[in-house]
Every structure is written in C-alpha cells, then in structure tokens.
Amino acid sequence: MARPSSSHDKTKPYPEAWEQVADLRVFRTTAREWDRLATWRADMTKRGWKLLRVTTDDVELVAVFGKTKSDLSSSTARSL
C-alpha cells in the first residue's frame, strides 16, 4: 500500500505524483538568503523552471522548482 505523502516530509517536500510528470529540484536555504537570491531565481525561470512550492518553518525555507517532462523532451529535441 502506498504511503500518503506528507507536506512535512523532509526528503520530498512535494507530492509523489509530481515525480511522474516533472523533473524536480529542491532548494533549501534560510529566508534571509532566499531574498538575496532574486537573480538566481529569475535565471531559473528564464531556463524554463517553474517555482512550484515554497514552504518555511522556523529554520529553513524550502523551494521546489519543476520542469514538466514534456518540456524537457521538447528542449532536448531542439538541442539536437
């Protein structure tokens, strides 16, 4: 039986179903550092990554970026 996904899972801060449709990147930092990374976040967006979720607790901020697998396959085909 599949384990229900938890929004507080430290290793996967996103629903398991997201893995089936997207390539995901999890970024962990402090809220203070997150504010200082505005240029980096803009660069991720320019490269086709979408900010899917941001969560925070007392210690860290967790951001999940994703590209759908269809986006990945079309970008690979263009580079060939």
C-alpha atoms as a PDB file:
ATOM      1  CA  MET A   1       0.000   0.000   0.000  1.00  0.00           C
ATOM      2  CA  ALA A   2       1.351   3.435  -0.944  1.00  0.00           C
ATOM      3  CA  ARG A   3       2.297   5.767   1.831  1.00  0.00           C
ATOM      4  CA  PRO A   4       0.323   9.016   1.774  1.00  0.00           C
ATOM      5  CA  SER A   5       2.553  11.965   1.009  1.00  0.00           C
ATOM      6  CA  SER A   6       3.130  14.450   3.762  1.00  0.00           C
ATOM      7  CA  SER A   7       3.718  18.129   3.184  1.00  0.00           C
ATOM      8  CA  HIS A   8       6.221  17.974   6.057  1.00  0.00           C
ATOM      9  CA  ASP A   9       8.367  15.183   4.580  1.00  0.00           C
ATOM     10  CA  LYS A  10      11.967  16.444   4.816  1.00  0.00           C
ATOM     11  CA  THR A  11      13.266  14.375   1.901  1.00  0.00           C
ATOM     12  CA  LYS A  12      10.396  15.073  -0.507  1.00  0.00           C
ATOM     13  CA  PRO A  13       8.579  18.329   0.207  1.00  0.00           C
ATOM     14  CA  TYR A  14       6.155  17.697  -2.670  1.00  0.00           C
ATOM     15  CA  PRO A  15       3.515  15.110  -3.617  1.00  0.00           C
ATOM     16  CA  GLU A  16       4.934  11.892  -5.087  1.00  0.00           C
ATOM     17  CA  ALA A  17       2.697  12.305  -8.142  1.00  0.00           C
ATOM     18  CA  TRP A  18       4.783  15.318  -9.189  1.00  0.00           C
ATOM     19  CA  GLU A  19       7.724  12.995  -9.924  1.00  0.00           C
ATOM     20  CA  GLN A  20       5.681  11.245 -12.606  1.00  0.00           C
ATOM     21  CA  VAL A  21       5.152  14.407 -14.649  1.00  0.00           C
ATOM     22  CA  ALA A  22       8.114  16.657 -13.878  1.00  0.00           C
ATOM     23  CA  ASP A  23      11.818  16.872 -13.210  1.00  0.00           C
ATOM     24  CA  LEU A  24      12.085  18.480  -9.779  1.00  0.00           C
ATOM     25  CA  ARG A  25      14.755  20.446  -7.936  1.00  0.00           C
ATOM     26  CA  VAL A  26      14.532  21.116  -4.200  1.00  0.00           C
ATOM     27  CA  PHE A  27      16.380  24.129  -2.848  1.00  0.00           C
ATOM     28  CA  ARG A  28      16.851  24.653   0.900  1.00  0.00           C
ATOM     29  CA  THR A  29      18.052  27.907   2.422  1.00  0.00           C
ATOM     30  CA  THR A  30      17.272  30.495   5.054  1.00  0.00           C
ATOM     31  CA  ALA A  31      14.616  33.106   4.401  1.00  0.00           C
ATOM     32  CA  ARG A  32      17.315  35.781   4.526  1.00  0.00           C
ATOM     33  CA  GLU A  33      19.414  34.043   1.854  1.00  0.00           C
ATOM     34  CA  TRP A  34      16.299  33.440  -0.294  1.00  0.00           C
ATOM     35  CA  ASP A  35      15.732  37.193  -0.508  1.00  0.00           C
ATOM     36  CA  ARG A  36      19.318  37.657  -1.661  1.00  0.00           C
ATOM     37  CA  LEU A  37      18.933  35.080  -4.462  1.00  0.00           C
ATOM     38  CA  ALA A  38      16.468  37.042  -6.608  1.00  0.00           C
ATOM     39  CA  THR A  39      18.789  36.998  -9.647  1.00  0.00           C
ATOM     40  CA  TRP A  40      19.318  33.255  -9.364  1.00  0.00           C
ATOM     41  CA  ARG A  41      15.548  32.659  -9.137  1.00  0.00           C
ATOM     42  CA  ALA A  42      14.979  34.830 -12.226  1.00  0.00           C
ATOM     43  CA  ASP A  43      17.630  32.822 -14.088  1.00  0.00           C
ATOM     44  CA  MET A  44      15.888  29.557 -13.167  1.00  0.00           C
ATOM     45  CA  THR A  45      12.650  30.960 -14.612  1.00  0.00           C
ATOM     46  CA  LYS A  46      14.390  32.042 -17.832  1.00  0.00           C
ATOM     47  CA  ARG A  47      15.700  28.500 -18.222  1.00  0.00           C
ATOM     48  CA  GLY A  48      12.156  27.122 -18.085  1.00  0.00           C
ATOM     49  CA  TRP A  49      11.971  26.098 -14.425  1.00  0.00           C
ATOM     50  CA  LYS A  50       8.775  26.985 -12.597  1.00  0.00           C
ATOM     51  CA  LEU A  51       8.603  27.706  -8.889  1.00  0.00           C
ATOM     52  CA  LEU A  52       6.027  25.161  -7.743  1.00  0.00           C
ATOM     53  CA  ARG A  53       6.035  25.483  -3.977  1.00  0.00           C
ATOM     54  CA  VAL A  54       7.702  27.414  -1.189  1.00  0.00           C
ATOM     55  CA  THR A  55       7.358  26.335   2.421  1.00  0.00           C
ATOM     56  CA  THR A  56       9.065  27.594   5.526  1.00  0.00           C
ATOM     57  CA  ASP A  57       9.466  26.732   9.154  1.00  0.00           C
ATOM     58  CA  ASP A  58      11.493  28.271  11.968  1.00  0.00           C
ATOM     59  CA  VAL A  59      14.794  27.094  10.498  1.00  0.00           C
ATOM     60  CA  GLU A  60      14.684  26.901   6.710  1.00  0.00           C
ATOM     61  CA  LEU A  61      12.851  27.807   3.558  1.00  0.00           C
ATOM     62  CA  VAL A  62      12.254  25.005   1.027  1.00  0.00           C
ATOM     63  CA  ALA A  63      11.551  25.828  -2.612  1.00  0.00           C
ATOM     64  CA  VAL A  64      10.550  23.262  -5.230  1.00  0.00           C
ATOM     65  CA  PHE A  65      11.257  24.055  -8.874  1.00  0.00           C
ATOM     66  CA  GLY A  66       9.993  21.879 -11.703  1.00  0.00           C
ATOM     67  CA  LYS A  67      10.007  21.338 -15.458  1.00  0.00           C
ATOM     68  CA  THR A  68       7.375  19.099 -16.947  1.00  0.00           C
ATOM     69  CA  LYS A  69       8.753  16.045 -18.679  1.00  0.00           C
ATOM     70  CA  SER A  70       7.141  17.189 -21.927  1.00  0.00           C
ATOM     71  CA  ASP A  71       9.074  20.485 -21.646  1.00  0.00           C
ATOM     72  CA  LEU A  72      12.265  18.516 -21.085  1.00  0.00           C
ATOM     73  CA  SER A  73      11.784  16.291 -24.124  1.00  0.00           C
ATOM     74  CA  SER A  74      10.983  19.232 -26.414  1.00  0.00           C
ATOM     75  CA  SER A  75      14.051  21.176 -25.241  1.00  0.00           C
ATOM     76  CA  THR A  76      16.237  18.095 -25.820  1.00  0.00           C
ATOM     77  CA  ALA A  77      14.852  17.719 -29.337  1.00  0.00           C
ATOM     78  CA  ARG A  78      15.623  21.386 -30.113  1.00  0.00           C
ATOM     79  CA  SER A  79      19.235  20.995 -28.993  1.00  0.00           C
ATOM     80  CA  LEU A  80      19.890  18.059 -31.347  1.00  0.00           C
END
